[in-house]
PDB file of N, CA and C in Angstrom:
ATOM      1  N   UNK A   1       5.769   1.105  17.439  1.00  0.00           N
ATOM      2  CA  UNK A   1       6.235   2.049  16.445  1.00  0.00           C
ATOM      3  C   UNK A   1       5.622   3.427  16.694  1.00  0.00           C
ATOM      4  N   UNK A   2       4.335   3.454  16.984  1.00  0.00           N
ATOM      5  CA  UNK A   2       3.648   4.728  17.218  1.00  0.00           C
ATOM      6  C   UNK A   2       4.272   5.479  18.379  1.00  0.00           C
ATOM      7  N   UNK A   3       4.649   4.767  19.414  1.00  0.00           N
ATOM      8  CA  UNK A   3       5.243   5.383  20.607  1.00  0.00           C
ATOM      9  C   UNK A   3       6.504   6.172  20.261  1.00  0.00           C
ATOM     10  N   UNK A   4       7.240   5.757  19.250  1.00  0.00           N
ATOM     11  CA  UNK A   4       8.453   6.463  18.855  1.00  0.00           C
ATOM     12  C   UNK A   4       8.180   7.897  18.412  1.00  0.00           C
ATOM     13  N   UNK A   5       6.972   8.161  17.911  1.00  0.00           N
ATOM     14  CA  UNK A   5       6.640   9.483  17.384  1.00  0.00           C
ATOM     15  C   UNK A   5       5.786  10.322  18.327  1.00  0.00           C
ATOM     16  N   UNK A   6       4.986   9.675  19.141  1.00  0.00           N
ATOM     17  CA  UNK A   6       3.974  10.384  19.928  1.00  0.00           C
ATOM     18  C   UNK A   6       4.581  11.406  20.889  1.00  0.00           C
ATOM     19  N   UNK A   7       5.616  11.058  21.589  1.00  0.00           N
ATOM     20  CA  UNK A   7       6.203  12.002  22.557  1.00  0.00           C
ATOM     21  C   UNK A   7       6.684  13.282  21.880  1.00  0.00           C
ATOM     22  N   UNK A   8       7.318  13.152  20.735  1.00  0.00           N
ATOM     23  CA  UNK A   8       7.776  14.322  19.988  1.00  0.00           C
ATOM     24  C   UNK A   8       6.586  15.148  19.484  1.00  0.00           C
ATOM     25  N   UNK A   9       5.567  14.481  18.992  1.00  0.00           N
ATOM     26  CA  UNK A   9       4.362  15.177  18.534  1.00  0.00           C
ATOM     27  C   UNK A   9       3.716  15.949  19.683  1.00  0.00           C
ATOM     28  N   UNK A  10       3.669  15.344  20.864  1.00  0.00           N
ATOM     29  CA  UNK A  10       3.080  16.015  22.023  1.00  0.00           C
ATOM     30  C   UNK A  10       3.848  17.289  22.368  1.00  0.00           C
ATOM     31  N   UNK A  11       5.162  17.207  22.326  1.00  0.00           N
ATOM     32  CA  UNK A  11       5.981  18.395  22.614  1.00  0.00           C
ATOM     33  C   UNK A  11       5.725  19.507  21.599  1.00  0.00           C
ATOM     34  N   UNK A  12       5.566  19.131  20.349  1.00  0.00           N
ATOM     35  CA  UNK A  12       5.325  20.107  19.279  1.00  0.00           C
ATOM     36  C   UNK A  12       3.866  20.561  19.214  1.00  0.00           C
ATOM     37  N   UNK A  13       2.991  19.841  19.937  1.00  0.00           N
ATOM     38  CA  UNK A  13       1.542  20.101  19.882  1.00  0.00           C
ATOM     39  C   UNK A  13       1.027  20.025  18.444  1.00  0.00           C
ATOM     40  N   UNK A  14       1.568  19.052  17.721  1.00  0.00           N
ATOM     41  CA  UNK A  14       1.166  18.872  16.327  1.00  0.00           C
ATOM     42  C   UNK A  14       1.691  17.532  15.821  1.00  0.00           C
ATOM     43  N   UNK A  15       0.929  16.926  14.919  1.00  0.00           N
ATOM     44  CA  UNK A  15       1.385  15.691  14.297  1.00  0.00           C
ATOM     45  C   UNK A  15       0.244  14.974  13.626  1.00  0.00           C
ATOM     46  N   UNK A  16       0.594  14.045  12.772  1.00  0.00           N
ATOM     47  CA  UNK A  16      -0.392  13.235  12.060  1.00  0.00           C
ATOM     48  C   UNK A  16       0.082  11.793  12.062  1.00  0.00           C
ATOM     49  N   UNK A  17      -0.820  10.908  12.440  1.00  0.00           N
ATOM     50  CA  UNK A  17      -0.541   9.477  12.433  1.00  0.00           C
ATOM     51  C   UNK A  17      -1.571   8.834  11.519  1.00  0.00           C
ATOM     52  N   UNK A  18      -1.096   8.058  10.556  1.00  0.00           N
ATOM     53  CA  UNK A  18      -1.998   7.422   9.583  1.00  0.00           C
ATOM     54  C   UNK A  18      -1.850   5.911   9.696  1.00  0.00           C
ATOM     55  N   UNK A  19      -2.972   5.260   9.893  1.00  0.00           N
ATOM     56  CA  UNK A  19      -3.016   3.805   9.927  1.00  0.00           C
ATOM     57  C   UNK A  19      -3.687   3.318   8.649  1.00  0.00           C
ATOM     58  N   UNK A  20      -2.999   2.473   7.904  1.00  0.00           N
ATOM     59  CA  UNK A  20      -3.586   1.864   6.715  1.00  0.00           C
ATOM     60  C   UNK A  20      -4.177   0.536   7.162  1.00  0.00           C
ATOM     61  N   UNK A  21      -5.473   0.490   7.237  1.00  0.00           N
ATOM     62  CA  UNK A  21      -6.187  -0.668   7.722  1.00  0.00           C
ATOM     63  C   UNK A  21      -6.700  -1.463   6.516  1.00  0.00           C
ATOM     64  N   UNK A  22      -7.948  -1.824   6.522  1.00  0.00           N
ATOM     65  CA  UNK A  22      -8.571  -2.587   5.441  1.00  0.00           C
ATOM     66  C   UNK A  22     -10.074  -2.438   5.581  1.00  0.00           C
ATOM     67  N   UNK A  23     -10.780  -2.620   4.481  1.00  0.00           N
ATOM     68  CA  UNK A  23     -12.235  -2.653   4.569  1.00  0.00           C
ATOM     69  C   UNK A  23     -12.698  -3.716   5.561  1.00  0.00           C
ATOM     70  N   UNK A  24     -11.875  -4.716   5.783  1.00  0.00           N
ATOM     71  CA  UNK A  24     -12.186  -5.779   6.742  1.00  0.00           C
ATOM     72  C   UNK A  24     -12.160  -5.276   8.184  1.00  0.00           C
ATOM     73  N   UNK A  25     -11.659  -4.074   8.405  1.00  0.00           N
ATOM     74  CA  UNK A  25     -11.697  -3.476   9.731  1.00  0.00           C
ATOM     75  C   UNK A  25     -13.042  -2.836  10.035  1.00  0.00           C
ATOM     76  N   UNK A  26     -13.909  -2.800   9.040  1.00  0.00           N
ATOM     77  CA  UNK A  26     -15.255  -2.242   9.206  1.00  0.00           C
ATOM     78  C   UNK A  26     -16.346  -3.281   8.967  1.00  0.00           C
ATOM     79  N   UNK A  27     -16.017  -4.277   8.145  1.00  0.00           N
ATOM     80  CA  UNK A  27     -16.990  -5.297   7.784  1.00  0.00           C
ATOM     81  C   UNK A  27     -16.284  -6.641   7.686  1.00  0.00           C
ATOM     82  N   UNK A  28     -16.729  -7.623   8.424  1.00  0.00           N
ATOM     83  CA  UNK A  28     -16.048  -8.922   8.399  1.00  0.00           C
ATOM     84  C   UNK A  28     -16.264  -9.680   7.093  1.00  0.00           C
ATOM     85  N   UNK A  29     -15.302 -10.528   6.773  1.00  0.00           N
ATOM     86  CA  UNK A  29     -15.378 -11.385   5.602  1.00  0.00           C
ATOM     87  C   UNK A  29     -15.302 -12.844   6.042  1.00  0.00           C
ATOM     88  N   UNK A  30     -16.069 -13.681   5.409  1.00  0.00           N
ATOM     89  CA  UNK A  30     -16.077 -15.118   5.673  1.00  0.00           C
ATOM     90  C   UNK A  30     -14.695 -15.718   5.414  1.00  0.00           C
ATOM     91  N   UNK A  31     -14.315 -16.693   6.208  1.00  0.00           N
ATOM     92  CA  UNK A  31     -13.060 -17.422   6.071  1.00  0.00           C
ATOM     93  C   UNK A  31     -11.822 -16.538   6.244  1.00  0.00           C
ATOM     94  N   UNK A  32     -11.950 -15.466   6.982  1.00  0.00           N
ATOM     95  CA  UNK A  32     -10.825 -14.548   7.211  1.00  0.00           C
ATOM     96  C   UNK A  32     -10.772 -14.109   8.673  1.00  0.00           C
ATOM     97  N   UNK A  33     -11.076 -15.018   9.586  1.00  0.00           N
ATOM     98  CA  UNK A  33     -11.220 -14.666  10.998  1.00  0.00           C
ATOM     99  C   UNK A  33      -9.995 -13.972  11.573  1.00  0.00           C
ATOM    100  N   UNK A  34      -8.814 -14.519  11.380  1.00  0.00           N
ATOM    101  CA  UNK A  34      -7.608 -13.919  11.952  1.00  0.00           C
ATOM    102  C   UNK A  34      -7.340 -12.545  11.341  1.00  0.00           C
ATOM    103  N   UNK A  35      -7.492 -12.444  10.041  1.00  0.00           N
ATOM    104  CA  UNK A  35      -7.257 -11.170   9.352  1.00  0.00           C
ATOM    105  C   UNK A  35      -8.239 -10.112   9.842  1.00  0.00           C
ATOM    106  N   UNK A  36      -9.508 -10.456   9.877  1.00  0.00           N
ATOM    107  CA  UNK A  36     -10.537  -9.515  10.318  1.00  0.00           C
ATOM    108  C   UNK A  36     -10.297  -9.103  11.773  1.00  0.00           C
ATOM    109  N   UNK A  37      -9.935 -10.045  12.612  1.00  0.00           N
ATOM    110  CA  UNK A  37      -9.658  -9.742  14.022  1.00  0.00           C
ATOM    111  C   UNK A  37      -8.550  -8.715  14.145  1.00  0.00           C
ATOM    112  N   UNK A  38      -7.484  -8.885  13.389  1.00  0.00           N
ATOM    113  CA  UNK A  38      -6.365  -7.938  13.466  1.00  0.00           C
ATOM    114  C   UNK A  38      -6.784  -6.547  12.988  1.00  0.00           C
ATOM    115  N   UNK A  39      -7.651  -6.484  12.002  1.00  0.00           N
ATOM    116  CA  UNK A  39      -8.088  -5.196  11.451  1.00  0.00           C
ATOM    117  C   UNK A  39      -9.034  -4.476  12.411  1.00  0.00           C
ATOM    118  N   UNK A  40      -9.920  -5.219  13.063  1.00  0.00           N
ATOM    119  CA  UNK A  40     -10.785  -4.608  14.069  1.00  0.00           C
ATOM    120  C   UNK A  40      -9.943  -4.108  15.250  1.00  0.00           C
ATOM    121  N   UNK A  41      -8.919  -4.854  15.608  1.00  0.00           N
ATOM    122  CA  UNK A  41      -8.029  -4.429  16.699  1.00  0.00           C
ATOM    123  C   UNK A  41      -7.304  -3.137  16.336  1.00  0.00           C
ATOM    124  N   UNK A  42      -6.845  -3.041  15.111  1.00  0.00           N
ATOM    125  CA  UNK A  42      -6.166  -1.823  14.670  1.00  0.00           C
ATOM    126  C   UNK A  42      -7.119  -0.635  14.707  1.00  0.00           C
ATOM    127  N   UNK A  43      -8.362  -0.847  14.323  1.00  0.00           N
ATOM    128  CA  UNK A  43      -9.348   0.237  14.391  1.00  0.00           C
ATOM    129  C   UNK A  43      -9.544   0.699  15.835  1.00  0.00           C
ATOM    130  N   UNK A  44      -9.641  -0.242  16.755  1.00  0.00           N
ATOM    131  CA  UNK A  44      -9.798   0.093  18.168  1.00  0.00           C
ATOM    132  C   UNK A  44      -8.596   0.847  18.707  1.00  0.00           C
ATOM    133  N   UNK A  45      -7.407   0.402  18.346  1.00  0.00           N
ATOM    134  CA  UNK A  45      -6.184   1.077  18.781  1.00  0.00           C
ATOM    135  C   UNK A  45      -6.154   2.510  18.278  1.00  0.00           C
ATOM    136  N   UNK A  46      -6.430   2.694  17.003  1.00  0.00           N
ATOM    137  CA  UNK A  46      -6.416   4.039  16.419  1.00  0.00           C
ATOM    138  C   UNK A  46      -7.470   4.937  17.062  1.00  0.00           C
ATOM    139  N   UNK A  47      -8.650   4.400  17.307  1.00  0.00           N
ATOM    140  CA  UNK A  47      -9.725   5.189  17.909  1.00  0.00           C
ATOM    141  C   UNK A  47      -9.364   5.633  19.323  1.00  0.00           C
ATOM    142  N   UNK A  48      -8.816   4.731  20.103  1.00  0.00           N
ATOM    143  CA  UNK A  48      -8.415   5.075  21.474  1.00  0.00           C
ATOM    144  C   UNK A  48      -7.266   6.083  21.465  1.00  0.00           C
ATOM    145  N   UNK A  49      -6.309   5.868  20.596  1.00  0.00           N
ATOM    146  CA  UNK A  49      -5.175   6.781  20.480  1.00  0.00           C
ATOM    147  C   UNK A  49      -5.642   8.174  20.071  1.00  0.00           C
ATOM    148  N   UNK A  50      -6.580   8.225  19.152  1.00  0.00           N
ATOM    149  CA  UNK A  50      -7.136   9.504  18.695  1.00  0.00           C
ATOM    150  C   UNK A  50      -7.703  10.292  19.879  1.00  0.00           C
ATOM    151  N   UNK A  51      -8.443   9.615  20.737  1.00  0.00           N
ATOM    152  CA  UNK A  51      -9.035  10.291  21.892  1.00  0.00           C
ATOM    153  C   UNK A  51      -7.963  10.785  22.858  1.00  0.00           C
ATOM    154  N   UNK A  52      -6.919  10.005  23.029  1.00  0.00           N
ATOM    155  CA  UNK A  52      -5.836  10.382  23.942  1.00  0.00           C
ATOM    156  C   UNK A  52      -5.018  11.564  23.418  1.00  0.00           C
ATOM    157  N   UNK A  53      -4.956  11.736  22.110  1.00  0.00           N
ATOM    158  CA  UNK A  53      -4.061  12.734  21.527  1.00  0.00           C
ATOM    159  C   UNK A  53      -4.752  14.001  21.039  1.00  0.00           C
ATOM    160  N   UNK A  54      -6.049  14.059  21.111  1.00  0.00           N
ATOM    161  CA  UNK A  54      -6.776  15.242  20.633  1.00  0.00           C
ATOM    162  C   UNK A  54      -6.263  16.525  21.273  1.00  0.00           C
ATOM    163  N   UNK A  55      -6.077  16.499  22.564  1.00  0.00           N
ATOM    164  CA  UNK A  55      -5.682  17.717  23.285  1.00  0.00           C
ATOM    165  C   UNK A  55      -4.303  18.225  22.866  1.00  0.00           C
ATOM    166  N   UNK A  56      -3.549  17.403  22.169  1.00  0.00           N
ATOM    167  CA  UNK A  56      -2.217  17.796  21.704  1.00  0.00           C
ATOM    168  C   UNK A  56      -2.209  18.190  20.229  1.00  0.00           C
ATOM    169  N   UNK A  57      -3.399  18.332  19.646  1.00  0.00           N
ATOM    170  CA  UNK A  57      -3.526  18.709  18.236  1.00  0.00           C
ATOM    171  C   UNK A  57      -2.882  17.673  17.303  1.00  0.00           C
ATOM    172  N   UNK A  58      -2.954  16.424  17.703  1.00  0.00           N
ATOM    173  CA  UNK A  58      -2.407  15.336  16.896  1.00  0.00           C
ATOM    174  C   UNK A  58      -3.570  14.643  16.190  1.00  0.00           C
ATOM    175  N   UNK A  59      -3.493  14.580  14.878  1.00  0.00           N
ATOM    176  CA  UNK A  59      -4.537  13.964  14.074  1.00  0.00           C
ATOM    177  C   UNK A  59      -4.221  12.491  13.850  1.00  0.00           C
ATOM    178  N   UNK A  60      -5.194  11.635  14.126  1.00  0.00           N
ATOM    179  CA  UNK A  60      -5.048  10.203  13.896  1.00  0.00           C
ATOM    180  C   UNK A  60      -6.061   9.809  12.820  1.00  0.00           C
ATOM    181  N   UNK A  61      -5.546   9.305  11.722  1.00  0.00           N
ATOM    182  CA  UNK A  61      -6.357   8.988  10.553  1.00  0.00           C
ATOM    183  C   UNK A  61      -6.308   7.479  10.294  1.00  0.00           C
ATOM    184  N   UNK A  62      -7.467   6.873  10.155  1.00  0.00           N
ATOM    185  CA  UNK A  62      -7.545   5.453   9.796  1.00  0.00           C
ATOM    186  C   UNK A  62      -8.087   5.325   8.384  1.00  0.00           C
ATOM    187  N   UNK A  63      -7.371   4.619   7.553  1.00  0.00           N
ATOM    188  CA  UNK A  63      -7.752   4.429   6.160  1.00  0.00           C
ATOM    189  C   UNK A  63      -8.195   2.975   5.980  1.00  0.00           C
ATOM    190  N   UNK A  64      -9.379   2.802   5.393  1.00  0.00           N
ATOM    191  CA  UNK A  64      -9.950   1.483   5.180  1.00  0.00           C
ATOM    192  C   UNK A  64     -10.152   1.263   3.682  1.00  0.00           C
ATOM    193  N   UNK A  65      -9.104   0.826   2.971  1.00  0.00           N
ATOM    194  CA  UNK A  65      -9.252   0.621   1.528  1.00  0.00           C
ATOM    195  C   UNK A  65      -9.916  -0.713   1.205  1.00  0.00           C
ATOM    196  N   UNK A  66     -10.642  -0.705   0.103  1.00  0.00           N
ATOM    197  CA  UNK A  66     -11.153  -1.948  -0.458  1.00  0.00           C
ATOM    198  C   UNK A  66     -10.034  -2.617  -1.239  1.00  0.00           C
ATOM    199  N   UNK A  67     -10.387  -3.435  -2.197  1.00  0.00           N
ATOM    200  CA  UNK A  67      -9.401  -4.202  -2.961  1.00  0.00           C
ATOM    201  C   UNK A  67      -8.505  -3.292  -3.798  1.00  0.00           C
ATOM    202  N   UNK A  68      -7.199  -3.429  -3.563  1.00  0.00           N
ATOM    203  CA  UNK A  68      -6.190  -2.648  -4.267  1.00  0.00           C
ATOM    204  C   UNK A  68      -5.282  -3.632  -5.006  1.00  0.00           C
ATOM    205  N   UNK A  69      -4.941  -3.326  -6.226  1.00  0.00           N
ATOM    206  CA  UNK A  69      -4.090  -4.203  -7.024  1.00  0.00           C
ATOM    207  C   UNK A  69      -2.649  -4.122  -6.529  1.00  0.00           C
ATOM    208  N   UNK A  70      -2.309  -5.047  -5.626  1.00  0.00           N
ATOM    209  CA  UNK A  70      -0.965  -5.143  -5.061  1.00  0.00           C
ATOM    210  C   UNK A  70      -0.498  -6.593  -5.132  1.00  0.00           C
ATOM    211  N   UNK A  71       0.771  -6.856  -4.836  1.00  0.00           N
ATOM    212  CA  UNK A  71       1.272  -8.231  -4.849  1.00  0.00           C
ATOM    213  C   UNK A  71       0.580  -9.157  -3.846  1.00  0.00           C
ATOM    214  N   UNK A  72      -0.170  -8.601  -2.901  1.00  0.00           N
ATOM    215  CA  UNK A  72      -0.924  -9.427  -1.959  1.00  0.00           C
ATOM    216  C   UNK A  72      -1.820 -10.429  -2.691  1.00  0.00           C
ATOM    217  N   UNK A  73      -2.268 -10.040  -3.877  1.00  0.00           N
ATOM    218  CA  UNK A  73      -3.196 -10.871  -4.639  1.00  0.00           C
ATOM    219  C   UNK A  73      -2.495 -11.901  -5.520  1.00  0.00           C
ATOM    220  N   UNK A  74      -1.163 -11.856  -5.589  1.00  0.00           N
ATOM    221  CA  UNK A  74      -0.434 -12.850  -6.386  1.00  0.00           C
ATOM    222  C   UNK A  74      -0.772 -14.249  -5.879  1.00  0.00           C
ATOM    223  N   UNK A  75      -0.951 -15.167  -6.763  1.00  0.00           N
ATOM    224  CA  UNK A  75      -1.241 -16.564  -6.436  1.00  0.00           C
ATOM    225  C   UNK A  75      -2.569 -16.757  -5.702  1.00  0.00           C
ATOM    226  N   UNK A  76      -3.519 -15.848  -5.888  1.00  0.00           N
ATOM    227  CA  UNK A  76      -4.828 -15.953  -5.226  1.00  0.00           C
ATOM    228  C   UNK A  76      -5.941 -16.284  -6.220  1.00  0.00           C
ATOM    229  N   UNK A  77      -5.595 -16.539  -7.453  1.00  0.00           N
ATOM    230  CA  UNK A  77      -6.578 -16.885  -8.484  1.00  0.00           C
ATOM    231  C   UNK A  77      -7.646 -15.803  -8.662  1.00  0.00           C
ATOM    232  N   UNK A  78      -7.200 -14.543  -8.747  1.00  0.00           N
ATOM    233  CA  UNK A  78      -8.121 -13.420  -8.945  1.00  0.00           C
ATOM    234  C   UNK A  78      -7.717 -12.574 -10.152  1.00  0.00           C
ATOM    235  N   UNK A  79      -6.973 -13.158 -11.063  1.00  0.00           N
ATOM    236  CA  UNK A  79      -6.478 -12.404 -12.214  1.00  0.00           C
ATOM    237  C   UNK A  79      -7.607 -11.776 -13.028  1.00  0.00           C
ATOM    238  N   UNK A  80      -8.762 -12.394 -13.016  1.00  0.00           N
ATOM    239  CA  UNK A  80      -9.877 -11.861 -13.811  1.00  0.00           C
ATOM    240  C   UNK A  80     -10.429 -10.548 -13.236  1.00  0.00           C
ATOM    241  N   UNK A  81     -10.241 -10.279 -11.954  1.00  0.00           N
ATOM    242  CA  UNK A  81     -10.763  -9.035 -11.365  1.00  0.00           C
ATOM    243  C   UNK A  81      -9.679  -8.021 -11.023  1.00  0.00           C
ATOM    244  N   UNK A  82      -8.431  -8.392 -11.119  1.00  0.00           N
ATOM    245  CA  UNK A  82      -7.352  -7.450 -10.769  1.00  0.00           C
ATOM    246  C   UNK A  82      -7.406  -6.153 -11.557  1.00  0.00           C
ATOM    247  N   UNK A  83      -7.718  -6.180 -12.848  1.00  0.00           N
ATOM    248  CA  UNK A  83      -7.792  -4.904 -13.576  1.00  0.00           C
ATOM    249  C   UNK A  83      -8.874  -3.960 -13.036  1.00  0.00           C
ATOM    250  N   UNK A  84      -9.848  -4.507 -12.326  1.00  0.00           N
ATOM    251  CA  UNK A  84     -10.930  -3.690 -11.778  1.00  0.00           C
ATOM    252  C   UNK A  84     -10.640  -3.180 -10.369  1.00  0.00           C
ATOM    253  N   UNK A  85      -9.565  -3.664  -9.758  1.00  0.00           N
ATOM    254  CA  UNK A  85      -9.202  -3.211  -8.411  1.00  0.00           C
ATOM    255  C   UNK A  85      -8.683  -1.776  -8.461  1.00  0.00           C
ATOM    256  N   UNK A  86      -8.638  -1.147  -7.305  1.00  0.00           N
ATOM    257  CA  UNK A  86      -8.109   0.216  -7.237  1.00  0.00           C
ATOM    258  C   UNK A  86      -6.618   0.226  -7.527  1.00  0.00           C
ATOM    259  N   UNK A  87      -6.191   1.294  -8.126  1.00  0.00           N
ATOM    260  CA  UNK A  87      -4.792   1.520  -8.432  1.00  0.00           C
ATOM    261  C   UNK A  87      -4.097   2.111  -7.195  1.00  0.00           C
ATOM    262  N   UNK A  88      -2.895   1.646  -6.902  1.00  0.00           N
ATOM    263  CA  UNK A  88      -2.153   2.109  -5.736  1.00  0.00           C
ATOM    264  C   UNK A  88      -1.945   3.628  -5.765  1.00  0.00           C
ATOM    265  N   UNK A  89      -1.578   4.176  -6.910  1.00  0.00           N
ATOM    266  CA  UNK A  89      -1.338   5.621  -7.007  1.00  0.00           C
ATOM    267  C   UNK A  89      -2.602   6.422  -6.720  1.00  0.00           C
ATOM    268  N   UNK A  90      -3.736   5.967  -7.226  1.00  0.00           N
ATOM    269  CA  UNK A  90      -4.999   6.659  -6.971  1.00  0.00           C
ATOM    270  C   UNK A  90      -5.341   6.616  -5.480  1.00  0.00           C
ATOM    271  N   UNK A  91      -5.144   5.457  -4.878  1.00  0.00           N
ATOM    272  CA  UNK A  91      -5.390   5.316  -3.449  1.00  0.00           C
ATOM    273  C   UNK A  91      -4.495   6.264  -2.651  1.00  0.00           C
ATOM    274  N   UNK A  92      -3.226   6.316  -3.010  1.00  0.00           N
ATOM    275  CA  UNK A  92      -2.272   7.185  -2.304  1.00  0.00           C
ATOM    276  C   UNK A  92      -2.664   8.657  -2.417  1.00  0.00           C
ATOM    277  N   UNK A  93      -3.113   9.078  -3.569  1.00  0.00           N
ATOM    278  CA  UNK A  93      -3.538  10.472  -3.733  1.00  0.00           C
ATOM    279  C   UNK A  93      -4.715  10.798  -2.816  1.00  0.00           C
ATOM    280  N   UNK A  94      -5.630   9.865  -2.679  1.00  0.00           N
ATOM    281  CA  UNK A  94      -6.779  10.066  -1.802  1.00  0.00           C
ATOM    282  C   UNK A  94      -6.331  10.162  -0.339  1.00  0.00           C
ATOM    283  N   UNK A  95      -5.393   9.334   0.046  1.00  0.00           N
ATOM    284  CA  UNK A  95      -4.878   9.356   1.416  1.00  0.00           C
ATOM    285  C   UNK A  95      -4.146  10.677   1.686  1.00  0.00           C
ATOM    286  N   UNK A  96      -3.324  11.104   0.766  1.00  0.00           N
ATOM    287  CA  UNK A  96      -2.600  12.375   0.929  1.00  0.00           C
ATOM    288  C   UNK A  96      -3.588  13.529   1.088  1.00  0.00           C
ATOM    289  N   UNK A  97      -4.660  13.492   0.325  1.00  0.00           N
ATOM    290  CA  UNK A  97      -5.687  14.531   0.448  1.00  0.00           C
ATOM    291  C   UNK A  97      -6.237  14.584   1.878  1.00  0.00           C
ATOM    292  N   UNK A  98      -6.492  13.431   2.475  1.00  0.00           N
ATOM    293  CA  UNK A  98      -7.015  13.415   3.845  1.00  0.00           C
ATOM    294  C   UNK A  98      -5.959  13.890   4.845  1.00  0.00           C
ATOM    295  N   UNK A  99      -4.705  13.570   4.604  1.00  0.00           N
ATOM    296  CA  UNK A  99      -3.626  14.014   5.489  1.00  0.00           C
ATOM    297  C   UNK A  99      -3.509  15.532   5.465  1.00  0.00           C
ATOM    298  N   UNK A 100      -3.757  16.126   4.326  1.00  0.00           N
ATOM    299  CA  UNK A 100      -3.609  17.572   4.167  1.00  0.00           C
ATOM    300  C   UNK A 100      -4.845  18.378   4.563  1.00  0.00           C
ATOM    301  N   UNK A 101      -5.749  17.783   5.304  1.00  0.00           N
ATOM    302  CA  UNK A 101      -6.909  18.538   5.789  1.00  0.00           C
ATOM    303  C   UNK A 101      -6.412  19.751   6.568  1.00  0.00           C
ATOM    304  N   UNK A 102      -6.959  20.912   6.291  1.00  0.00           N
ATOM    305  CA  UNK A 102      -6.435  22.146   6.892  1.00  0.00           C
ATOM    306  C   UNK A 102      -6.836  22.351   8.349  1.00  0.00           C
ATOM    307  N   UNK A 103      -6.001  23.071   9.040  1.00  0.00           N
ATOM    308  CA  UNK A 103      -6.261  23.630  10.366  1.00  0.00           C
ATOM    309  C   UNK A 103      -6.843  22.622  11.352  1.00  0.00           C
ATOM    310  N   UNK A 104      -8.011  22.933  11.880  1.00  0.00           N
ATOM    311  CA  UNK A 104      -8.564  22.076  12.922  1.00  0.00           C
ATOM    312  C   UNK A 104      -9.522  21.021  12.373  1.00  0.00           C
ATOM    313  N   UNK A 105      -9.377  20.662  11.111  1.00  0.00           N
ATOM    314  CA  UNK A 105     -10.182  19.606  10.498  1.00  0.00           C
ATOM    315  C   UNK A 105      -9.360  18.327  10.416  1.00  0.00           C
ATOM    316  N   UNK A 106     -10.026  17.204  10.637  1.00  0.00           N
ATOM    317  CA  UNK A 106      -9.355  15.917  10.501  1.00  0.00           C
ATOM    318  C   UNK A 106     -10.328  14.909   9.897  1.00  0.00           C
ATOM    319  N   UNK A 107      -9.836  14.141   8.961  1.00  0.00           N
ATOM    320  CA  UNK A 107     -10.586  13.007   8.441  1.00  0.00           C
ATOM    321  C   UNK A 107     -10.194  11.838   9.338  1.00  0.00           C
ATOM    322  N   UNK A 108     -11.063  11.487  10.267  1.00  0.00           N
ATOM    323  CA  UNK A 108     -10.711  10.467  11.256  1.00  0.00           C
ATOM    324  C   UNK A 108     -10.695   9.067  10.670  1.00  0.00           C
ATOM    325  N   UNK A 109     -11.698   8.760   9.873  1.00  0.00           N
ATOM    326  CA  UNK A 109     -11.768   7.462   9.219  1.00  0.00           C
ATOM    327  C   UNK A 109     -12.201   7.675   7.783  1.00  0.00           C
ATOM    328  N   UNK A 110     -11.549   6.946   6.891  1.00  0.00           N
ATOM    329  CA  UNK A 110     -11.897   7.089   5.484  1.00  0.00           C
ATOM    330  C   UNK A 110     -11.978   5.696   4.854  1.00  0.00           C
ATOM    331  N   UNK A 111     -13.171   5.377   4.353  1.00  0.00           N
ATOM    332  CA  UNK A 111     -13.402   4.136   3.629  1.00  0.00           C
ATOM    333  C   UNK A 111     -13.259   4.460   2.146  1.00  0.00           C
ATOM    334  N   UNK A 112     -12.329   3.802   1.494  1.00  0.00           N
ATOM    335  CA  UNK A 112     -12.066   4.065   0.083  1.00  0.00           C
ATOM    336  C   UNK A 112     -12.352   2.783  -0.708  1.00  0.00           C
ATOM    337  N   UNK A 113     -13.292   2.903  -1.610  1.00  0.00           N
ATOM    338  CA  UNK A 113     -13.652   1.761  -2.452  1.00  0.00           C
ATOM    339  C   UNK A 113     -13.555   2.162  -3.916  1.00  0.00           C
ATOM    340  N   UNK A 114     -13.528   1.183  -4.778  1.00  0.00           N
ATOM    341  CA  UNK A 114     -13.620   1.470  -6.196  1.00  0.00           C
ATOM    342  C   UNK A 114     -15.024   1.999  -6.463  1.00  0.00           C
ATOM    343  N   UNK A 115     -15.178   2.752  -7.500  1.00  0.00           N
ATOM    344  CA  UNK A 115     -16.452   3.382  -7.815  1.00  0.00           C
ATOM    345  C   UNK A 115     -17.597   2.360  -7.908  1.00  0.00           C
ATOM    346  N   UNK A 116     -17.313   1.191  -8.439  1.00  0.00           N
ATOM    347  CA  UNK A 116     -18.339   0.158  -8.590  1.00  0.00           C
ATOM    348  C   UNK A 116     -18.625  -0.598  -7.299  1.00  0.00           C
ATOM    349  N   UNK A 117     -17.938  -0.277  -6.227  1.00  0.00           N
ATOM    350  CA  UNK A 117     -18.161  -0.939  -4.941  1.00  0.00           C
ATOM    351  C   UNK A 117     -17.398  -2.239  -4.809  1.00  0.00           C
ATOM    352  N   UNK A 118     -17.745  -3.010  -3.785  1.00  0.00           N
ATOM    353  CA  UNK A 118     -17.066  -4.281  -3.527  1.00  0.00           C
ATOM    354  C   UNK A 118     -17.372  -5.304  -4.618  1.00  0.00           C
ATOM    355  N   UNK A 119     -16.502  -6.277  -4.697  1.00  0.00           N
ATOM    356  CA  UNK A 119     -16.687  -7.364  -5.668  1.00  0.00           C
ATOM    357  C   UNK A 119     -17.735  -8.335  -5.165  1.00  0.00           C
TER     358      UNK A 119
END
């Protein structure tokens, strides 16, 4: 999917690519080996891509959110903590803020957690 955009971004010498990862891409969780592996792989891909695209003024941003109240949690027996999870709209506003970093500034990686931290 990324390849579909990169060539055009290179020609324009500008672009932004945002990867929505997971806190599991920075810190492993027990009993989640496959999930954690995929998240670490995504972090590696984004990091390598970032280095390859710097000279073209292309910003690559990796977002590592903690627990967000989404349908992913349906049927997971976590109803007691769902009200304490991050709100999707709040998370999106934070991501948009990082995307809008001005000029030659880039937020390369952003870990977003609820104020009270992990559960």
